[in-house]
Amino acid sequence: MFIQRTSLILLFSTALNGCDSSYHAFDGNSGYRSNMITPDNFSLQYTGNQFDTKQDVETMWHHRARELCRGAAYQADHLTVTKVKNPGSLQSGETLPQAISHYYLSGEVLCLAPNLARKRKETNTNDESVADIK
């Protein structure tokens, strides 16, 4: 009984802690923003919240880069990490609230094998549709 209760408490607290640094599109306070330069080249920014460490922001930036390249290899260029405190505006007039410090990472993503990633995705989609028919 004690072990089950302890396990339940640990599970619940882990779930709550996971909410501190969530991966999401930019919502005015934190998240990722990306712009397509070419179909295989993107400008990518990630703004962390007040709880995110530098490593958290770097991890989430690379997570978004993998999504943009559909899981294929990519090259990260011009990476700049800054800690922004009451920045006024970061880009396009968007602002961060109050004088809370946030890590901000920006750079470019070049997908190195975009055709392979697209082909792999199409193959997986075709395999799933064949499995559904059987």
N, C-alpha and C. Protein backbone atom coordinates (compact mmCIF):
# COMPACT_ATOMS: atom_id res chain seq x y z
N MET A 1 0.83 -1.19 0.00
CA MET A 1 0.00 0.00 0.00
C MET A 1 0.88 1.26 0.00
N PHE A 2 1.90 1.28 0.86
CA PHE A 2 2.79 2.44 0.95
C PHE A 2 3.54 2.63 -0.37
N ILE A 3 3.99 1.53 -0.98
CA ILE A 3 4.73 1.60 -2.23
C ILE A 3 3.83 2.13 -3.35
N GLN A 4 2.58 1.67 -3.38
CA GLN A 4 1.66 2.15 -4.41
C GLN A 4 1.39 3.64 -4.25
N ARG A 5 1.21 4.08 -3.02
CA ARG A 5 0.94 5.49 -2.76
C ARG A 5 2.16 6.35 -3.16
N THR A 6 3.35 5.87 -2.80
CA THR A 6 4.57 6.59 -3.14
C THR A 6 4.73 6.66 -4.66
N SER A 7 4.47 5.55 -5.34
CA SER A 7 4.57 5.53 -6.80
C SER A 7 3.59 6.50 -7.43
N LEU A 8 2.39 6.55 -6.91
CA LEU A 8 1.37 7.46 -7.43
C LEU A 8 1.78 8.92 -7.21
N ILE A 9 2.34 9.23 -6.07
CA ILE A 9 2.79 10.59 -5.77
C ILE A 9 3.93 10.99 -6.70
N LEU A 10 4.88 10.08 -6.91
CA LEU A 10 6.00 10.36 -7.82
C LEU A 10 5.51 10.57 -9.25
N LEU A 11 4.58 9.75 -9.69
CA LEU A 11 4.03 9.88 -11.03
C LEU A 11 3.33 11.23 -11.20
N PHE A 12 2.54 11.60 -10.23
CA PHE A 12 1.80 12.87 -10.27
C PHE A 12 2.76 14.06 -10.27
N SER A 13 3.78 14.03 -9.42
CA SER A 13 4.72 15.15 -9.37
C SER A 13 5.55 15.25 -10.64
N THR A 14 5.89 14.12 -11.24
CA THR A 14 6.61 14.13 -12.52
C THR A 14 5.75 14.75 -13.61
N ALA A 15 4.47 14.42 -13.62
CA ALA A 15 3.57 14.99 -14.61
C ALA A 15 3.46 16.51 -14.45
N LEU A 16 3.40 16.97 -13.22
CA LEU A 16 3.33 18.42 -12.98
C LEU A 16 4.62 19.12 -13.38
N ASN A 17 5.75 18.54 -13.08
CA ASN A 17 7.04 19.15 -13.43
C ASN A 17 7.24 19.20 -14.93
N GLY A 18 6.69 18.25 -15.64
CA GLY A 18 6.82 18.23 -17.09
C GLY A 18 6.12 19.41 -17.74
N CYS A 19 5.20 20.04 -17.05
CA CYS A 19 4.46 21.17 -17.61
C CYS A 19 5.27 22.45 -17.58
N ASP A 20 6.34 22.50 -16.80
CA ASP A 20 7.12 23.72 -16.69
C ASP A 20 7.74 24.13 -18.01
N SER A 21 8.25 23.19 -18.77
CA SER A 21 8.89 23.55 -20.03
C SER A 21 8.24 22.73 -21.13
N SER A 22 7.22 23.31 -21.73
CA SER A 22 6.51 22.58 -22.77
C SER A 22 6.97 23.04 -24.15
N TYR A 23 6.96 22.11 -25.06
CA TYR A 23 7.35 22.35 -26.44
C TYR A 23 6.10 22.76 -27.21
N HIS A 24 6.10 23.93 -27.81
CA HIS A 24 4.92 24.40 -28.52
C HIS A 24 5.30 25.56 -29.45
N ALA A 25 4.37 25.91 -30.31
CA ALA A 25 4.56 27.08 -31.16
C ALA A 25 4.56 28.34 -30.30
N PHE A 26 5.18 29.39 -30.78
CA PHE A 26 5.30 30.63 -30.01
C PHE A 26 3.91 31.15 -29.67
N ASP A 27 3.70 31.43 -28.39
CA ASP A 27 2.40 31.89 -27.91
C ASP A 27 2.44 33.32 -27.38
N GLY A 28 3.49 34.04 -27.69
CA GLY A 28 3.64 35.39 -27.18
C GLY A 28 4.61 35.47 -26.01
N ASN A 29 4.86 34.33 -25.35
CA ASN A 29 5.79 34.26 -24.23
C ASN A 29 6.96 33.32 -24.50
N SER A 30 6.66 32.15 -25.03
CA SER A 30 7.70 31.16 -25.28
C SER A 30 7.26 30.26 -26.42
N GLY A 31 8.21 29.46 -26.93
CA GLY A 31 7.90 28.52 -27.99
C GLY A 31 8.76 28.74 -29.22
N TYR A 32 8.45 27.96 -30.28
CA TYR A 32 9.25 28.04 -31.50
C TYR A 32 8.54 28.87 -32.57
N ARG A 33 9.37 29.45 -33.42
CA ARG A 33 8.91 30.16 -34.62
C ARG A 33 9.84 29.73 -35.74
N SER A 34 9.26 29.41 -36.88
CA SER A 34 10.10 29.03 -38.02
C SER A 34 9.53 29.64 -39.29
N ASN A 35 10.43 30.00 -40.17
CA ASN A 35 10.06 30.56 -41.47
C ASN A 35 10.81 29.79 -42.55
N MET A 36 10.11 29.42 -43.62
CA MET A 36 10.74 28.72 -44.73
C MET A 36 11.49 29.72 -45.60
N ILE A 37 12.77 29.44 -45.82
CA ILE A 37 13.59 30.24 -46.73
C ILE A 37 13.50 29.60 -48.12
N THR A 38 13.76 28.29 -48.16
CA THR A 38 13.53 27.45 -49.34
C THR A 38 12.86 26.18 -48.78
N PRO A 39 12.39 25.27 -49.63
CA PRO A 39 11.74 24.07 -49.09
C PRO A 39 12.62 23.23 -48.15
N ASP A 40 13.95 23.40 -48.23
CA ASP A 40 14.85 22.61 -47.40
C ASP A 40 15.69 23.47 -46.46
N ASN A 41 15.35 24.75 -46.33
CA ASN A 41 16.13 25.67 -45.50
C ASN A 41 15.15 26.54 -44.71
N PHE A 42 15.37 26.60 -43.39
CA PHE A 42 14.44 27.31 -42.52
C PHE A 42 15.19 28.22 -41.56
N SER A 43 14.56 29.31 -41.21
CA SER A 43 15.01 30.15 -40.11
C SER A 43 14.22 29.68 -38.90
N LEU A 44 14.89 29.44 -37.79
CA LEU A 44 14.23 28.86 -36.61
C LEU A 44 14.65 29.60 -35.35
N GLN A 45 13.67 29.96 -34.53
CA GLN A 45 13.91 30.59 -33.24
C GLN A 45 13.14 29.83 -32.17
N TYR A 46 13.74 29.72 -31.01
CA TYR A 46 13.03 29.15 -29.86
C TYR A 46 13.27 30.05 -28.66
N THR A 47 12.19 30.47 -28.03
CA THR A 47 12.24 31.29 -26.83
C THR A 47 11.75 30.44 -25.67
N GLY A 48 12.59 30.26 -24.67
CA GLY A 48 12.20 29.49 -23.50
C GLY A 48 11.36 30.32 -22.54
N ASN A 49 10.74 29.63 -21.60
CA ASN A 49 10.03 30.36 -20.55
C ASN A 49 10.99 30.60 -19.38
N GLN A 50 10.51 31.20 -18.31
CA GLN A 50 11.39 31.55 -17.20
C GLN A 50 11.96 30.34 -16.47
N PHE A 51 11.40 29.15 -16.70
CA PHE A 51 11.89 27.94 -16.03
C PHE A 51 12.89 27.16 -16.88
N ASP A 52 12.94 27.43 -18.19
CA ASP A 52 13.79 26.68 -19.10
C ASP A 52 15.26 27.05 -18.94
N THR A 53 16.11 26.03 -18.92
CA THR A 53 17.55 26.25 -18.90
C THR A 53 18.03 26.43 -20.33
N LYS A 54 19.27 26.81 -20.46
CA LYS A 54 19.88 26.94 -21.79
C LYS A 54 19.81 25.61 -22.53
N GLN A 55 20.11 24.52 -21.81
CA GLN A 55 20.07 23.19 -22.42
C GLN A 55 18.65 22.82 -22.86
N ASP A 56 17.64 23.19 -22.07
CA ASP A 56 16.24 22.93 -22.46
C ASP A 56 15.92 23.60 -23.79
N VAL A 57 16.30 24.86 -23.90
CA VAL A 57 16.01 25.63 -25.11
C VAL A 57 16.75 25.04 -26.31
N GLU A 58 18.00 24.65 -26.12
CA GLU A 58 18.76 24.03 -27.21
C GLU A 58 18.11 22.71 -27.64
N THR A 59 17.67 21.92 -26.67
CA THR A 59 17.02 20.63 -26.98
C THR A 59 15.74 20.85 -27.76
N MET A 60 14.93 21.81 -27.34
CA MET A 60 13.66 22.07 -28.03
C MET A 60 13.89 22.66 -29.42
N TRP A 61 14.95 23.48 -29.58
CA TRP A 61 15.28 24.02 -30.90
C TRP A 61 15.62 22.87 -31.84
N HIS A 62 16.46 21.93 -31.37
CA HIS A 62 16.85 20.79 -32.22
C HIS A 62 15.66 19.86 -32.48
N HIS A 63 14.76 19.75 -31.54
CA HIS A 63 13.55 18.94 -31.74
C HIS A 63 12.74 19.51 -32.92
N ARG A 64 12.57 20.83 -32.93
CA ARG A 64 11.83 21.47 -34.02
C ARG A 64 12.58 21.33 -35.34
N ALA A 65 13.91 21.42 -35.30
CA ALA A 65 14.71 21.25 -36.52
C ALA A 65 14.49 19.86 -37.11
N ARG A 66 14.46 18.83 -36.27
CA ARG A 66 14.20 17.47 -36.75
C ARG A 66 12.80 17.37 -37.37
N GLU A 67 11.83 18.03 -36.76
CA GLU A 67 10.47 18.02 -37.32
C GLU A 67 10.44 18.68 -38.69
N LEU A 68 11.09 19.82 -38.83
CA LEU A 68 11.11 20.53 -40.10
C LEU A 68 11.75 19.69 -41.20
N CYS A 69 12.75 18.90 -40.85
CA CYS A 69 13.46 18.06 -41.82
C CYS A 69 12.88 16.65 -41.88
N ARG A 70 11.74 16.44 -41.27
CA ARG A 70 11.04 15.15 -41.28
C ARG A 70 11.92 14.00 -40.81
N GLY A 71 12.72 14.26 -39.79
CA GLY A 71 13.55 13.22 -39.20
C GLY A 71 14.87 12.98 -39.90
N ALA A 72 15.11 13.67 -41.01
CA ALA A 72 16.37 13.49 -41.75
C ALA A 72 17.48 14.31 -41.11
N ALA A 73 18.69 14.07 -41.56
CA ALA A 73 19.84 14.81 -41.06
C ALA A 73 19.71 16.27 -41.45
N TYR A 74 20.26 17.13 -40.62
CA TYR A 74 20.22 18.56 -40.90
C TYR A 74 21.50 19.21 -40.42
N GLN A 75 21.75 20.40 -40.94
CA GLN A 75 22.90 21.19 -40.52
C GLN A 75 22.36 22.46 -39.87
N ALA A 76 22.87 22.78 -38.69
CA ALA A 76 22.47 23.99 -37.97
C ALA A 76 23.53 25.05 -38.18
N ASP A 77 23.12 26.20 -38.68
CA ASP A 77 24.05 27.30 -38.95
C ASP A 77 23.63 28.55 -38.20
N HIS A 78 24.62 29.40 -37.93
CA HIS A 78 24.39 30.72 -37.33
C HIS A 78 23.63 30.64 -36.01
N LEU A 79 23.93 29.64 -35.20
CA LEU A 79 23.24 29.50 -33.91
C LEU A 79 23.70 30.58 -32.94
N THR A 80 22.74 31.26 -32.36
CA THR A 80 23.03 32.31 -31.39
C THR A 80 22.13 32.10 -30.19
N VAL A 81 22.75 31.92 -29.02
CA VAL A 81 21.98 31.78 -27.78
C VAL A 81 22.19 33.05 -26.96
N THR A 82 21.09 33.64 -26.54
CA THR A 82 21.18 34.82 -25.69
C THR A 82 20.20 34.67 -24.54
N LYS A 83 20.49 35.35 -23.46
CA LYS A 83 19.53 35.42 -22.36
C LYS A 83 18.95 36.82 -22.41
N VAL A 84 17.66 36.88 -22.68
CA VAL A 84 17.00 38.14 -22.89
C VAL A 84 16.29 38.56 -21.61
N LYS A 85 16.56 39.77 -21.16
CA LYS A 85 15.88 40.32 -19.99
C LYS A 85 15.17 41.59 -20.41
N ASN A 86 13.86 41.57 -20.35
CA ASN A 86 13.03 42.71 -20.75
C ASN A 86 13.51 43.28 -22.08
N PRO A 87 13.45 42.46 -23.14
CA PRO A 87 14.09 42.82 -24.39
C PRO A 87 13.40 43.93 -25.19
N GLY A 88 12.21 44.31 -24.83
CA GLY A 88 11.49 45.26 -25.67
C GLY A 88 10.88 44.53 -26.84
N SER A 89 11.67 44.28 -27.87
CA SER A 89 11.15 43.46 -28.96
C SER A 89 12.26 42.55 -29.47
N LEU A 90 11.87 41.33 -29.79
CA LEU A 90 12.82 40.36 -30.32
C LEU A 90 12.84 40.41 -31.84
N GLN A 91 11.65 40.36 -32.43
CA GLN A 91 11.55 40.31 -33.88
C GLN A 91 10.12 40.66 -34.24
N SER A 92 9.94 41.43 -35.25
CA SER A 92 8.61 41.78 -35.75
C SER A 92 7.72 42.38 -34.68
N GLY A 93 8.28 43.10 -33.73
CA GLY A 93 7.47 43.75 -32.71
C GLY A 93 6.97 42.84 -31.61
N GLU A 94 7.34 41.54 -31.61
CA GLU A 94 6.88 40.64 -30.57
C GLU A 94 7.70 40.89 -29.31
N THR A 95 7.05 40.86 -28.16
CA THR A 95 7.72 41.17 -26.91
C THR A 95 7.57 40.06 -25.89
N LEU A 96 8.44 40.08 -24.91
CA LEU A 96 8.35 39.18 -23.76
C LEU A 96 7.86 40.02 -22.58
N PRO A 97 7.06 39.43 -21.70
CA PRO A 97 6.49 40.20 -20.61
C PRO A 97 7.49 40.52 -19.50
N GLN A 98 7.26 41.59 -18.80
CA GLN A 98 7.99 42.02 -17.61
C GLN A 98 9.50 41.92 -17.79
N ALA A 99 10.20 41.81 -16.66
CA ALA A 99 11.66 41.76 -16.69
C ALA A 99 12.15 40.36 -16.36
N ILE A 100 11.45 39.35 -16.84
CA ILE A 100 11.84 37.97 -16.59
C ILE A 100 12.85 37.55 -17.65
N SER A 101 13.90 36.86 -17.24
CA SER A 101 14.92 36.40 -18.18
C SER A 101 14.46 35.11 -18.87
N HIS A 102 14.71 35.06 -20.16
CA HIS A 102 14.40 33.89 -20.98
C HIS A 102 15.60 33.62 -21.87
N TYR A 103 15.88 32.34 -22.13
CA TYR A 103 16.89 32.01 -23.13
C TYR A 103 16.22 32.05 -24.50
N TYR A 104 16.94 32.56 -25.47
CA TYR A 104 16.44 32.71 -26.84
C TYR A 104 17.51 32.15 -27.77
N LEU A 105 17.14 31.22 -28.63
CA LEU A 105 18.08 30.59 -29.56
C LEU A 105 17.55 30.78 -30.98
N SER A 106 18.41 31.29 -31.84
CA SER A 106 18.01 31.46 -33.24
C SER A 106 19.10 30.91 -34.15
N GLY A 107 18.70 30.50 -35.33
CA GLY A 107 19.64 29.99 -36.31
C GLY A 107 18.93 29.52 -37.55
N GLU A 108 19.69 28.91 -38.44
CA GLU A 108 19.14 28.37 -39.68
C GLU A 108 19.30 26.86 -39.71
N VAL A 109 18.33 26.20 -40.32
CA VAL A 109 18.33 24.75 -40.46
C VAL A 109 18.36 24.42 -41.94
N LEU A 110 19.33 23.62 -42.35
CA LEU A 110 19.41 23.13 -43.72
C LEU A 110 19.21 21.62 -43.69
N CYS A 111 18.13 21.15 -44.28
CA CYS A 111 17.85 19.71 -44.33
C CYS A 111 18.79 19.08 -45.36
N LEU A 112 19.58 18.10 -44.92
CA LEU A 112 20.62 17.53 -45.79
C LEU A 112 20.13 16.42 -46.70
N ALA A 113 19.12 15.68 -46.28
CA ALA A 113 18.60 14.59 -47.12
C ALA A 113 17.08 14.68 -47.20
N PRO A 114 16.56 15.80 -47.70
CA PRO A 114 15.10 15.99 -47.68
C PRO A 114 14.35 14.99 -48.55
N ASN A 115 14.92 14.62 -49.68
CA ASN A 115 14.22 13.66 -50.55
C ASN A 115 14.12 12.30 -49.90
N LEU A 116 15.16 11.88 -49.19
CA LEU A 116 15.13 10.60 -48.48
C LEU A 116 14.07 10.63 -47.40
N ALA A 117 13.96 11.72 -46.68
CA ALA A 117 12.96 11.83 -45.62
C ALA A 117 11.55 11.78 -46.21
N ARG A 118 11.33 12.47 -47.32
CA ARG A 118 10.01 12.45 -47.95
C ARG A 118 9.68 11.05 -48.44
N LYS A 119 10.69 10.39 -49.04
CA LYS A 119 10.48 9.04 -49.55
C LYS A 119 10.17 8.07 -48.42
N ARG A 120 10.91 8.21 -47.30
CA ARG A 120 10.70 7.35 -46.14
C ARG A 120 9.28 7.56 -45.59
N LYS A 121 8.82 8.80 -45.55
CA LYS A 121 7.49 9.10 -45.04
C LYS A 121 6.43 8.52 -45.97
N GLU A 122 6.62 8.65 -47.29
CA GLU A 122 5.66 8.09 -48.25
C GLU A 122 5.62 6.58 -48.15
N THR A 123 6.77 5.93 -47.98
CA THR A 123 6.83 4.48 -47.86
C THR A 123 6.09 4.02 -46.62
N ASN A 124 6.31 4.70 -45.50
CA ASN A 124 5.60 4.35 -44.26
C ASN A 124 4.10 4.55 -44.42
N THR A 125 3.69 5.59 -45.09
CA THR A 125 2.27 5.84 -45.31
C THR A 125 1.68 4.75 -46.18
N ASN A 126 2.41 4.36 -47.25
CA ASN A 126 1.92 3.30 -48.12
C ASN A 126 1.85 1.97 -47.39
N ASP A 127 2.83 1.65 -46.56
CA ASP A 127 2.82 0.41 -45.80
C ASP A 127 1.63 0.36 -44.85
N GLU A 128 1.34 1.48 -44.21
CA GLU A 128 0.21 1.53 -43.26
C GLU A 128 -1.11 1.35 -44.02
N SER A 129 -1.23 1.96 -45.20
CA SER A 129 -2.49 1.84 -45.92
C SER A 129 -2.69 0.42 -46.43
N VAL A 130 -1.60 -0.26 -46.81
CA VAL A 130 -1.71 -1.65 -47.24
C VAL A 130 -2.11 -2.52 -46.06
N ALA A 131 -1.54 -2.27 -44.89
CA ALA A 131 -1.88 -3.04 -43.70
C ALA A 131 -3.34 -2.84 -43.33
N ASP A 132 -3.87 -1.62 -43.55
CA ASP A 132 -5.28 -1.35 -43.22
C ASP A 132 -6.22 -2.09 -44.15
N ILE A 133 -5.80 -2.30 -45.40
CA ILE A 133 -6.67 -2.97 -46.37
C ILE A 133 -6.80 -4.44 -46.06
N LYS A 134 -5.71 -5.07 -45.59
CA LYS A 134 -5.71 -6.52 -45.33
C LYS A 134 -6.59 -6.88 -44.23
